[in-house]
All heavy atoms as atom14 arrays in JSON, in Angstrom:
{
  "sequence": "KLIDEMTKAGVLLDTAGLTPTAQGTRVHLSGGKLSVTDGPFAEAKEVI",
  "atom14_mask": [
    [1, 1, 1, 1, 1, 1, 1, 1, 1, 0, 0, 0, 0, 0],
    [1, 1, 1, 1, 1, 1, 1, 1, 0, 0, 0, 0, 0, 0],
    [1, 1, 1, 1, 1, 1, 1, 1, 0, 0, 0, 0, 0, 0],
    [1, 1, 1, 1, 1, 1, 1, 1, 0, 0, 0, 0, 0, 0],
    [1, 1, 1, 1, 1, 1, 1, 1, 1, 0, 0, 0, 0, 0],
    [1, 1, 1, 1, 1, 1, 1, 1, 0, 0, 0, 0, 0, 0],
    [1, 1, 1, 1, 1, 1, 1, 0, 0, 0, 0, 0, 0, 0],
    [1, 1, 1, 1, 1, 1, 1, 1, 1, 0, 0, 0, 0, 0],
    [1, 1, 1, 1, 1, 0, 0, 0, 0, 0, 0, 0, 0, 0],
    [1, 1, 1, 1, 0, 0, 0, 0, 0, 0, 0, 0, 0, 0],
    [1, 1, 1, 1, 1, 1, 1, 0, 0, 0, 0, 0, 0, 0],
    [1, 1, 1, 1, 1, 1, 1, 1, 0, 0, 0, 0, 0, 0],
    [1, 1, 1, 1, 1, 1, 1, 1, 0, 0, 0, 0, 0, 0],
    [1, 1, 1, 1, 1, 1, 1, 1, 0, 0, 0, 0, 0, 0],
    [1, 1, 1, 1, 1, 1, 1, 0, 0, 0, 0, 0, 0, 0],
    [1, 1, 1, 1, 1, 0, 0, 0, 0, 0, 0, 0, 0, 0],
    [1, 1, 1, 1, 0, 0, 0, 0, 0, 0, 0, 0, 0, 0],
    [1, 1, 1, 1, 1, 1, 1, 1, 0, 0, 0, 0, 0, 0],
    [1, 1, 1, 1, 1, 1, 1, 0, 0, 0, 0, 0, 0, 0],
    [1, 1, 1, 1, 1, 1, 1, 0, 0, 0, 0, 0, 0, 0],
    [1, 1, 1, 1, 1, 1, 1, 0, 0, 0, 0, 0, 0, 0],
    [1, 1, 1, 1, 1, 0, 0, 0, 0, 0, 0, 0, 0, 0],
    [1, 1, 1, 1, 1, 1, 1, 1, 1, 0, 0, 0, 0, 0],
    [1, 1, 1, 1, 0, 0, 0, 0, 0, 0, 0, 0, 0, 0],
    [1, 1, 1, 1, 1, 1, 1, 0, 0, 0, 0, 0, 0, 0],
    [1, 1, 1, 1, 1, 1, 1, 1, 1, 1, 1, 0, 0, 0],
    [1, 1, 1, 1, 1, 1, 1, 0, 0, 0, 0, 0, 0, 0],
    [1, 1, 1, 1, 1, 1, 1, 1, 1, 1, 0, 0, 0, 0],
    [1, 1, 1, 1, 1, 1, 1, 1, 0, 0, 0, 0, 0, 0],
    [1, 1, 1, 1, 1, 1, 0, 0, 0, 0, 0, 0, 0, 0],
    [1, 1, 1, 1, 0, 0, 0, 0, 0, 0, 0, 0, 0, 0],
    [1, 1, 1, 1, 0, 0, 0, 0, 0, 0, 0, 0, 0, 0],
    [1, 1, 1, 1, 1, 1, 1, 1, 1, 0, 0, 0, 0, 0],
    [1, 1, 1, 1, 1, 1, 1, 1, 0, 0, 0, 0, 0, 0],
    [1, 1, 1, 1, 1, 1, 0, 0, 0, 0, 0, 0, 0, 0],
    [1, 1, 1, 1, 1, 1, 1, 0, 0, 0, 0, 0, 0, 0],
    [1, 1, 1, 1, 1, 1, 1, 0, 0, 0, 0, 0, 0, 0],
    [1, 1, 1, 1, 1, 1, 1, 1, 0, 0, 0, 0, 0, 0],
    [1, 1, 1, 1, 0, 0, 0, 0, 0, 0, 0, 0, 0, 0],
    [1, 1, 1, 1, 1, 1, 1, 0, 0, 0, 0, 0, 0, 0],
    [1, 1, 1, 1, 1, 1, 1, 1, 1, 1, 1, 0, 0, 0],
    [1, 1, 1, 1, 1, 0, 0, 0, 0, 0, 0, 0, 0, 0],
    [1, 1, 1, 1, 1, 1, 1, 1, 1, 0, 0, 0, 0, 0],
    [1, 1, 1, 1, 1, 0, 0, 0, 0, 0, 0, 0, 0, 0],
    [1, 1, 1, 1, 1, 1, 1, 1, 1, 0, 0, 0, 0, 0],
    [1, 1, 1, 1, 1, 1, 1, 1, 1, 0, 0, 0, 0, 0],
    [1, 1, 1, 1, 1, 1, 1, 0, 0, 0, 0, 0, 0, 0],
    [1, 1, 1, 1, 1, 1, 1, 1, 0, 0, 0, 0, 0, 0]
  ],
  "atom14_positions": [
    [[-7.61, -13.64, -10.35], [-7.17, -15.03, -10.16], [-6.03, -15.11, -9.15], [-5.99, -16.0, -8.31], [-6.78, -15.65, -11.49], [-7.96, -15.94, -12.39], [-7.53, -16.52, -13.72], [-8.76, -16.73, -14.61], [-8.39, -17.23, -15.95], [0.0, 0.0, 0.0], [0.0, 0.0, 0.0], [0.0, 0.0, 0.0], [0.0, 0.0, 0.0], [0.0, 0.0, 0.0]],
    [[-5.07, -14.17, -9.25], [-3.97, -14.17, -8.29], [-4.49, -13.85, -6.89], [-4.07, -14.48, -5.91], [-2.88, -13.17, -8.69], [-1.68, -13.1, -7.74], [-0.95, -14.45, -7.67], [-0.73, -12.01, -8.16], [0.0, 0.0, 0.0], [0.0, 0.0, 0.0], [0.0, 0.0, 0.0], [0.0, 0.0, 0.0], [0.0, 0.0, 0.0], [0.0, 0.0, 0.0]],
    [[-5.41, -12.91, -6.79], [-5.99, -12.57, -5.48], [-6.71, -13.79, -4.9], [-6.58, -14.07, -3.71], [-6.91, -11.33, -5.6], [-6.04, -10.08, -5.79], [-7.82, -11.19, -4.38], [-6.82, -8.82, -6.11], [0.0, 0.0, 0.0], [0.0, 0.0, 0.0], [0.0, 0.0, 0.0], [0.0, 0.0, 0.0], [0.0, 0.0, 0.0], [0.0, 0.0, 0.0]],
    [[-7.45, -14.51, -5.73], [-8.11, -15.74, -5.26], [-7.09, -16.75, -4.77], [-7.27, -17.38, -3.72], [-8.95, -16.37, -6.38], [-10.23, -15.61, -6.67], [-10.61, -14.74, -5.85], [-10.84, -15.87, -7.73], [0.0, 0.0, 0.0], [0.0, 0.0, 0.0], [0.0, 0.0, 0.0], [0.0, 0.0, 0.0], [0.0, 0.0, 0.0], [0.0, 0.0, 0.0]],
    [[-6.0, -16.93, -5.53], [-4.94, -17.87, -5.14], [-4.32, -17.46, -3.8], [-4.11, -18.3, -2.91], [-3.86, -17.92, -6.22], [-2.72, -18.86, -5.89], [-1.6, -18.84, -6.93], [-1.79, -18.31, -8.04], [-0.52, -19.36, -6.59], [0.0, 0.0, 0.0], [0.0, 0.0, 0.0], [0.0, 0.0, 0.0], [0.0, 0.0, 0.0], [0.0, 0.0, 0.0]],
    [[-4.04, -16.16, -3.65], [-3.43, -15.68, -2.41], [-4.39, -15.84, -1.23], [-3.96, -16.16, -0.13], [-3.01, -14.22, -2.58], [-1.88, -14.01, -3.57], [-1.52, -12.27, -3.87], [-0.54, -11.89, -2.41], [0.0, 0.0, 0.0], [0.0, 0.0, 0.0], [0.0, 0.0, 0.0], [0.0, 0.0, 0.0], [0.0, 0.0, 0.0], [0.0, 0.0, 0.0]],
    [[-5.67, -15.63, -1.47], [-6.68, -15.77, -0.41], [-6.78, -17.23, 0.02], [-6.77, -17.53, 1.22], [-8.05, -15.25, -0.9], [-7.91, -13.86, -1.24], [-9.11, -15.39, 0.18], [0.0, 0.0, 0.0], [0.0, 0.0, 0.0], [0.0, 0.0, 0.0], [0.0, 0.0, 0.0], [0.0, 0.0, 0.0], [0.0, 0.0, 0.0], [0.0, 0.0, 0.0]],
    [[-6.86, -18.15, -0.95], [-6.96, -19.58, -0.63], [-5.72, -20.09, 0.07], [-5.8, -20.99, 0.9], [-7.23, -20.38, -1.91], [-8.62, -20.18, -2.44], [-8.83, -20.91, -3.75], [-10.22, -20.58, -4.31], [-10.37, -20.97, -5.71], [0.0, 0.0, 0.0], [0.0, 0.0, 0.0], [0.0, 0.0, 0.0], [0.0, 0.0, 0.0], [0.0, 0.0, 0.0]],
    [[-4.55, -19.51, -0.24], [-3.3, -19.91, 0.4], [-3.14, -19.3, 1.79], [-2.19, -19.61, 2.5], [-2.11, -19.52, -0.48], [0.0, 0.0, 0.0], [0.0, 0.0, 0.0], [0.0, 0.0, 0.0], [0.0, 0.0, 0.0], [0.0, 0.0, 0.0], [0.0, 0.0, 0.0], [0.0, 0.0, 0.0], [0.0, 0.0, 0.0], [0.0, 0.0, 0.0]],
    [[-4.07, -18.42, 2.17], [-3.99, -17.78, 3.48], [-2.95, -16.68, 3.55], [-2.55, -16.26, 4.63], [0.0, 0.0, 0.0], [0.0, 0.0, 0.0], [0.0, 0.0, 0.0], [0.0, 0.0, 0.0], [0.0, 0.0, 0.0], [0.0, 0.0, 0.0], [0.0, 0.0, 0.0], [0.0, 0.0, 0.0], [0.0, 0.0, 0.0], [0.0, 0.0, 0.0]],
    [[-2.52, -16.19, 2.39], [-1.47, -15.17, 2.32], [-2.07, -13.76, 2.36], [-1.59, -12.89, 3.08], [-0.63, -15.36, 1.04], [0.34, -14.21, 0.83], [0.12, -16.68, 1.08], [0.0, 0.0, 0.0], [0.0, 0.0, 0.0], [0.0, 0.0, 0.0], [0.0, 0.0, 0.0], [0.0, 0.0, 0.0], [0.0, 0.0, 0.0], [0.0, 0.0, 0.0]],
    [[-3.12, -13.53, 1.58], [-3.68, -12.2, 1.44], [-4.55, -11.83, 2.64], [-5.5, -12.52, 2.97], [-4.51, -12.09, 0.15], [-5.06, -10.71, -0.17], [-3.92, -9.72, -0.44], [-5.99, -10.78, -1.36], [0.0, 0.0, 0.0], [0.0, 0.0, 0.0], [0.0, 0.0, 0.0], [0.0, 0.0, 0.0], [0.0, 0.0, 0.0], [0.0, 0.0, 0.0]],
    [[-4.22, -10.72, 3.28], [-5.0, -10.21, 4.41], [-5.92, -9.07, 3.97], [-7.04, -8.96, 4.47], [-4.07, -9.73, 5.52], [-3.11, -10.8, 6.08], [-2.16, -10.18, 7.1], [-3.87, -11.96, 6.67], [0.0, 0.0, 0.0], [0.0, 0.0, 0.0], [0.0, 0.0, 0.0], [0.0, 0.0, 0.0], [0.0, 0.0, 0.0], [0.0, 0.0, 0.0]],
    [[-5.44, -8.21, 3.04], [-6.25, -7.1, 2.55], [-5.58, -6.53, 1.32], [-4.35, -6.61, 1.16], [-6.37, -6.01, 3.63], [-7.43, -4.96, 3.3], [-8.32, -5.24, 2.47], [-7.36, -3.87, 3.87], [0.0, 0.0, 0.0], [0.0, 0.0, 0.0], [0.0, 0.0, 0.0], [0.0, 0.0, 0.0], [0.0, 0.0, 0.0], [0.0, 0.0, 0.0]],
    [[-6.35, -5.95, 0.42], [-5.82, -5.29, -0.76], [-6.83, -4.3, -1.29], [-8.04, -4.48, -1.1], [-5.43, -6.28, -1.87], [-4.78, -5.56, -2.94], [-6.63, -7.03, -2.42], [0.0, 0.0, 0.0], [0.0, 0.0, 0.0], [0.0, 0.0, 0.0], [0.0, 0.0, 0.0], [0.0, 0.0, 0.0], [0.0, 0.0, 0.0], [0.0, 0.0, 0.0]],
    [[-6.34, -3.25, -1.96], [-7.23, -2.29, -2.61], [-6.4, -1.35, -3.45], [-5.21, -1.14, -3.2], [-8.04, -1.5, -1.59], [0.0, 0.0, 0.0], [0.0, 0.0, 0.0], [0.0, 0.0, 0.0], [0.0, 0.0, 0.0], [0.0, 0.0, 0.0], [0.0, 0.0, 0.0], [0.0, 0.0, 0.0], [0.0, 0.0, 0.0], [0.0, 0.0, 0.0]],
    [[-7.05, -0.77, -4.44], [-6.47, 0.33, -5.18], [-6.9, 1.62, -4.51], [-7.84, 1.63, -3.71], [0.0, 0.0, 0.0], [0.0, 0.0, 0.0], [0.0, 0.0, 0.0], [0.0, 0.0, 0.0], [0.0, 0.0, 0.0], [0.0, 0.0, 0.0], [0.0, 0.0, 0.0], [0.0, 0.0, 0.0], [0.0, 0.0, 0.0], [0.0, 0.0, 0.0]],
    [[-6.21, 2.69, -4.84], [-6.54, 3.99, -4.27], [-7.01, 4.93, -5.37], [-6.58, 4.83, -6.52], [-5.32, 4.58, -3.55], [-4.74, 3.73, -2.42], [-3.47, 4.36, -1.89], [-5.76, 3.55, -1.31], [0.0, 0.0, 0.0], [0.0, 0.0, 0.0], [0.0, 0.0, 0.0], [0.0, 0.0, 0.0], [0.0, 0.0, 0.0], [0.0, 0.0, 0.0]],
    [[-7.89, 5.87, -5.01], [-8.35, 6.86, -5.98], [-7.17, 7.74, -6.39], [-6.18, 7.84, -5.66], [-9.48, 7.72, -5.39], [-8.99, 8.39, -4.23], [-10.7, 6.89, -5.07], [0.0, 0.0, 0.0], [0.0, 0.0, 0.0], [0.0, 0.0, 0.0], [0.0, 0.0, 0.0], [0.0, 0.0, 0.0], [0.0, 0.0, 0.0], [0.0, 0.0, 0.0]],
    [[-7.27, 8.42, -7.53], [-6.19, 9.3, -7.98], [-5.91, 10.42, -6.97], [-6.77, 10.8, -6.19], [-6.73, 9.9, -9.29], [-7.78, 8.95, -9.74], [-8.37, 8.36, -8.49], [0.0, 0.0, 0.0], [0.0, 0.0, 0.0], [0.0, 0.0, 0.0], [0.0, 0.0, 0.0], [0.0, 0.0, 0.0], [0.0, 0.0, 0.0], [0.0, 0.0, 0.0]],
    [[-4.69, 10.94, -7.03], [-4.3, 12.01, -6.1], [-5.17, 13.25, -6.26], [-5.31, 14.02, -5.32], [-2.83, 12.4, -6.27], [-2.61, 12.86, -7.6], [-1.9, 11.25, -5.95], [0.0, 0.0, 0.0], [0.0, 0.0, 0.0], [0.0, 0.0, 0.0], [0.0, 0.0, 0.0], [0.0, 0.0, 0.0], [0.0, 0.0, 0.0], [0.0, 0.0, 0.0]],
    [[-5.77, 13.43, -7.42], [-6.66, 14.58, -7.63], [-7.84, 14.55, -6.65], [-8.41, 15.59, -6.34], [-7.19, 14.59, -9.07], [0.0, 0.0, 0.0], [0.0, 0.0, 0.0], [0.0, 0.0, 0.0], [0.0, 0.0, 0.0], [0.0, 0.0, 0.0], [0.0, 0.0, 0.0], [0.0, 0.0, 0.0], [0.0, 0.0, 0.0], [0.0, 0.0, 0.0]],
    [[-8.16, 13.37, -6.14], [-9.27, 13.23, -5.2], [-8.79, 13.13, -3.76], [-9.59, 12.92, -2.85], [-10.09, 11.99, -5.56], [-10.71, 12.07, -6.94], [-11.35, 10.76, -7.34], [-11.73, 9.95, -6.51], [-11.47, 10.55, -8.64], [0.0, 0.0, 0.0], [0.0, 0.0, 0.0], [0.0, 0.0, 0.0], [0.0, 0.0, 0.0], [0.0, 0.0, 0.0]],
    [[-7.48, 13.27, -3.54], [-6.92, 13.11, -2.21], [-6.66, 14.44, -1.51], [-6.79, 15.51, -2.09], [0.0, 0.0, 0.0], [0.0, 0.0, 0.0], [0.0, 0.0, 0.0], [0.0, 0.0, 0.0], [0.0, 0.0, 0.0], [0.0, 0.0, 0.0], [0.0, 0.0, 0.0], [0.0, 0.0, 0.0], [0.0, 0.0, 0.0], [0.0, 0.0, 0.0]],
    [[-6.29, 14.34, -0.26], [-5.91, 15.49, 0.56], [-4.67, 15.11, 1.35], [-4.6, 14.01, 1.9], [-7.04, 15.89, 1.52], [-8.19, 16.23, 0.74], [-6.67, 17.06, 2.4], [0.0, 0.0, 0.0], [0.0, 0.0, 0.0], [0.0, 0.0, 0.0], [0.0, 0.0, 0.0], [0.0, 0.0, 0.0], [0.0, 0.0, 0.0], [0.0, 0.0, 0.0]],
    [[-3.72, 16.02, 1.41], [-2.51, 15.81, 2.22], [-2.62, 16.63, 3.49], [-2.97, 17.81, 3.45], [-1.27, 16.27, 1.48], [-0.77, 15.29, 0.48], [0.61, 15.69, 0.01], [1.03, 14.73, -0.98], [1.87, 14.99, -1.95], [2.39, 16.19, -2.06], [2.21, 14.06, -2.8], [0.0, 0.0, 0.0], [0.0, 0.0, 0.0], [0.0, 0.0, 0.0]],
    [[-2.29, 16.01, 4.61], [-2.19, 16.69, 5.89], [-0.72, 16.61, 6.28], [-0.16, 15.52, 6.37], [-3.1, 16.04, 6.96], [-2.98, 16.79, 8.27], [-4.54, 15.97, 6.48], [0.0, 0.0, 0.0], [0.0, 0.0, 0.0], [0.0, 0.0, 0.0], [0.0, 0.0, 0.0], [0.0, 0.0, 0.0], [0.0, 0.0, 0.0], [0.0, 0.0, 0.0]],
    [[-0.08, 17.77, 6.46], [1.36, 17.83, 6.67], [1.66, 18.56, 7.98], [1.03, 19.58, 8.28], [2.01, 18.58, 5.49], [3.49, 18.7, 5.59], [4.34, 17.67, 5.34], [4.28, 19.77, 5.92], [5.59, 18.07, 5.51], [5.57, 19.34, 5.86], [0.0, 0.0, 0.0], [0.0, 0.0, 0.0], [0.0, 0.0, 0.0], [0.0, 0.0, 0.0]],
    [[2.62, 18.03, 8.74], [3.07, 18.66, 9.97], [4.51, 19.11, 9.79], [5.37, 18.31, 9.42], [2.97, 17.67, 11.14], [3.51, 18.18, 12.48], [2.63, 19.29, 13.02], [3.6, 17.03, 13.48], [0.0, 0.0, 0.0], [0.0, 0.0, 0.0], [0.0, 0.0, 0.0], [0.0, 0.0, 0.0], [0.0, 0.0, 0.0], [0.0, 0.0, 0.0]],
    [[4.77, 20.38, 10.04], [6.11, 20.92, 9.96], [6.25, 22.02, 11.0], [5.42, 22.95, 11.03], [6.39, 21.48, 8.56], [7.68, 22.05, 8.5], [0.0, 0.0, 0.0], [0.0, 0.0, 0.0], [0.0, 0.0, 0.0], [0.0, 0.0, 0.0], [0.0, 0.0, 0.0], [0.0, 0.0, 0.0], [0.0, 0.0, 0.0], [0.0, 0.0, 0.0]],
    [[7.26, 21.93, 11.83], [7.47, 22.94, 12.85], [6.3, 23.08, 13.81], [6.04, 24.16, 14.32], [0.0, 0.0, 0.0], [0.0, 0.0, 0.0], [0.0, 0.0, 0.0], [0.0, 0.0, 0.0], [0.0, 0.0, 0.0], [0.0, 0.0, 0.0], [0.0, 0.0, 0.0], [0.0, 0.0, 0.0], [0.0, 0.0, 0.0], [0.0, 0.0, 0.0]],
    [[5.57, 21.98, 14.01], [4.43, 22.0, 14.92], [3.15, 22.56, 14.31], [2.14, 22.66, 14.98], [0.0, 0.0, 0.0], [0.0, 0.0, 0.0], [0.0, 0.0, 0.0], [0.0, 0.0, 0.0], [0.0, 0.0, 0.0], [0.0, 0.0, 0.0], [0.0, 0.0, 0.0], [0.0, 0.0, 0.0], [0.0, 0.0, 0.0], [0.0, 0.0, 0.0]],
    [[3.2, 22.93, 13.02], [2.01, 23.5, 12.35], [1.51, 22.53, 11.29], [2.29, 21.97, 10.53], [2.34, 24.84, 11.71], [2.71, 25.89, 12.73], [2.99, 27.21, 12.06], [3.38, 28.23, 13.15], [3.56, 29.54, 12.61], [0.0, 0.0, 0.0], [0.0, 0.0, 0.0], [0.0, 0.0, 0.0], [0.0, 0.0, 0.0], [0.0, 0.0, 0.0]],
    [[0.18, 22.39, 11.27], [-0.46, 21.54, 10.27], [-0.87, 22.35, 9.05], [-1.32, 23.49, 9.19], [-1.72, 20.87, 10.84], [-1.51, 19.73, 11.82], [-2.85, 19.29, 12.4], [-0.83, 18.57, 11.14], [0.0, 0.0, 0.0], [0.0, 0.0, 0.0], [0.0, 0.0, 0.0], [0.0, 0.0, 0.0], [0.0, 0.0, 0.0], [0.0, 0.0, 0.0]],
    [[-0.73, 21.74, 7.88], [-1.28, 22.32, 6.67], [-2.09, 21.24, 5.97], [-1.76, 20.05, 6.06], [-0.19, 22.86, 5.75], [0.65, 21.82, 5.31], [0.0, 0.0, 0.0], [0.0, 0.0, 0.0], [0.0, 0.0, 0.0], [0.0, 0.0, 0.0], [0.0, 0.0, 0.0], [0.0, 0.0, 0.0], [0.0, 0.0, 0.0], [0.0, 0.0, 0.0]],
    [[-3.14, 21.64, 5.3], [-4.01, 20.71, 4.59], [-4.08, 21.18, 3.14], [-4.39, 22.35, 2.87], [-5.42, 20.68, 5.22], [-6.33, 19.76, 4.44], [-5.34, 20.26, 6.69], [0.0, 0.0, 0.0], [0.0, 0.0, 0.0], [0.0, 0.0, 0.0], [0.0, 0.0, 0.0], [0.0, 0.0, 0.0], [0.0, 0.0, 0.0], [0.0, 0.0, 0.0]],
    [[-3.76, 20.27, 2.2], [-3.74, 20.6, 0.78], [-4.55, 19.56, 0.01], [-4.32, 18.36, 0.15], [-2.3, 20.59, 0.24], [-1.48, 21.42, 1.06], [-2.23, 21.06, -1.2], [0.0, 0.0, 0.0], [0.0, 0.0, 0.0], [0.0, 0.0, 0.0], [0.0, 0.0, 0.0], [0.0, 0.0, 0.0], [0.0, 0.0, 0.0], [0.0, 0.0, 0.0]],
    [[-5.5, 20.04, -0.79], [-6.26, 19.13, -1.65], [-5.47, 18.83, -2.92], [-4.71, 19.66, -3.4], [-7.6, 19.75, -2.03], [-8.57, 19.81, -0.85], [-8.47, 18.92, 0.02], [-9.4, 20.72, -0.8], [0.0, 0.0, 0.0], [0.0, 0.0, 0.0], [0.0, 0.0, 0.0], [0.0, 0.0, 0.0], [0.0, 0.0, 0.0], [0.0, 0.0, 0.0]],
    [[-5.67, 17.61, -3.46], [-5.01, 17.19, -4.7], [-5.63, 17.88, -5.89], [-6.64, 18.57, -5.76], [0.0, 0.0, 0.0], [0.0, 0.0, 0.0], [0.0, 0.0, 0.0], [0.0, 0.0, 0.0], [0.0, 0.0, 0.0], [0.0, 0.0, 0.0], [0.0, 0.0, 0.0], [0.0, 0.0, 0.0], [0.0, 0.0, 0.0], [0.0, 0.0, 0.0]],
    [[-5.04, 17.77, -7.05], [-3.87, 16.94, -7.33], [-2.6, 17.59, -6.81], [-2.57, 18.79, -6.55], [-3.84, 16.85, -8.85], [-4.5, 18.09, -9.32], [-5.53, 18.43, -8.26], [0.0, 0.0, 0.0], [0.0, 0.0, 0.0], [0.0, 0.0, 0.0], [0.0, 0.0, 0.0], [0.0, 0.0, 0.0], [0.0, 0.0, 0.0], [0.0, 0.0, 0.0]],
    [[-1.58, 16.78, -6.66], [-0.32, 17.25, -6.11], [0.68, 17.34, -7.26], [1.21, 16.33, -7.71], [0.17, 16.3, -5.01], [-0.92, 16.0, -4.0], [-1.4, 14.71, -3.85], [-1.47, 17.02, -3.24], [-2.4, 14.44, -2.93], [-2.48, 16.75, -2.32], [-2.94, 15.46, -2.17], [0.0, 0.0, 0.0], [0.0, 0.0, 0.0], [0.0, 0.0, 0.0]],
    [[0.93, 18.55, -7.75], [1.74, 18.78, -8.94], [3.14, 18.19, -8.82], [3.69, 17.69, -9.79], [1.82, 20.28, -9.24], [0.0, 0.0, 0.0], [0.0, 0.0, 0.0], [0.0, 0.0, 0.0], [0.0, 0.0, 0.0], [0.0, 0.0, 0.0], [0.0, 0.0, 0.0], [0.0, 0.0, 0.0], [0.0, 0.0, 0.0], [0.0, 0.0, 0.0]],
    [[3.71, 18.23, -7.62], [5.09, 17.75, -7.46], [5.18, 16.23, -7.38], [6.25, 15.67, -7.42], [5.74, 18.38, -6.23], [5.24, 17.86, -4.89], [3.89, 18.42, -4.44], [3.3, 19.27, -5.1], [3.43, 17.99, -3.37], [0.0, 0.0, 0.0], [0.0, 0.0, 0.0], [0.0, 0.0, 0.0], [0.0, 0.0, 0.0], [0.0, 0.0, 0.0]],
    [[4.04, 15.55, -7.29], [4.04, 14.1, -7.14], [4.2, 13.43, -8.49], [3.39, 13.61, -9.38], [2.75, 13.64, -6.48], [0.0, 0.0, 0.0], [0.0, 0.0, 0.0], [0.0, 0.0, 0.0], [0.0, 0.0, 0.0], [0.0, 0.0, 0.0], [0.0, 0.0, 0.0], [0.0, 0.0, 0.0], [0.0, 0.0, 0.0], [0.0, 0.0, 0.0]],
    [[5.28, 12.68, -8.66], [5.45, 11.89, -9.87], [5.03, 10.46, -9.58], [4.12, 9.93, -10.19], [6.9, 11.94, -10.34], [7.15, 11.13, -11.61], [8.58, 11.22, -12.07], [8.81, 10.56, -13.4], [8.5, 9.16, -13.48], [0.0, 0.0, 0.0], [0.0, 0.0, 0.0], [0.0, 0.0, 0.0], [0.0, 0.0, 0.0], [0.0, 0.0, 0.0]],
    [[5.68, 9.85, -8.62], [5.37, 8.48, -8.23], [4.52, 8.52, -6.97], [4.92, 9.1, -5.97], [6.68, 7.72, -7.98], [6.5, 6.24, -7.86], [7.83, 5.53, -7.66], [8.47, 5.77, -6.61], [8.23, 4.78, -8.54], [0.0, 0.0, 0.0], [0.0, 0.0, 0.0], [0.0, 0.0, 0.0], [0.0, 0.0, 0.0], [0.0, 0.0, 0.0]],
    [[3.33, 7.92, -7.02], [2.42, 7.95, -5.88], [1.99, 6.53, -5.54], [2.11, 5.61, -6.35], [1.17, 8.82, -6.16], [1.57, 10.26, -6.44], [0.36, 8.27, -7.31], [0.0, 0.0, 0.0], [0.0, 0.0, 0.0], [0.0, 0.0, 0.0], [0.0, 0.0, 0.0], [0.0, 0.0, 0.0], [0.0, 0.0, 0.0], [0.0, 0.0, 0.0]],
    [[1.46, 6.34, -4.34], [0.91, 5.05, -3.94], [-0.42, 4.88, -4.65], [-1.34, 5.66, -4.46], [0.73, 4.97, -2.41], [2.02, 5.26, -1.67], [0.17, 3.6, -2.02], [3.16, 4.31, -1.94], [0.0, 0.0, 0.0], [0.0, 0.0, 0.0], [0.0, 0.0, 0.0], [0.0, 0.0, 0.0], [0.0, 0.0, 0.0], [0.0, 0.0, 0.0]]
  ]
}
């Protein structure tokens, strides 16, 4: 209902939920080197 209200008001441009971090992959650059790590990410407490 809130999404409908925001859409009708012309406020909402896009929205979505994301799959759990267990299904994600991190790509990290450090010192010019890339690393790729599949989830879950043990150190992650608060995630998007």
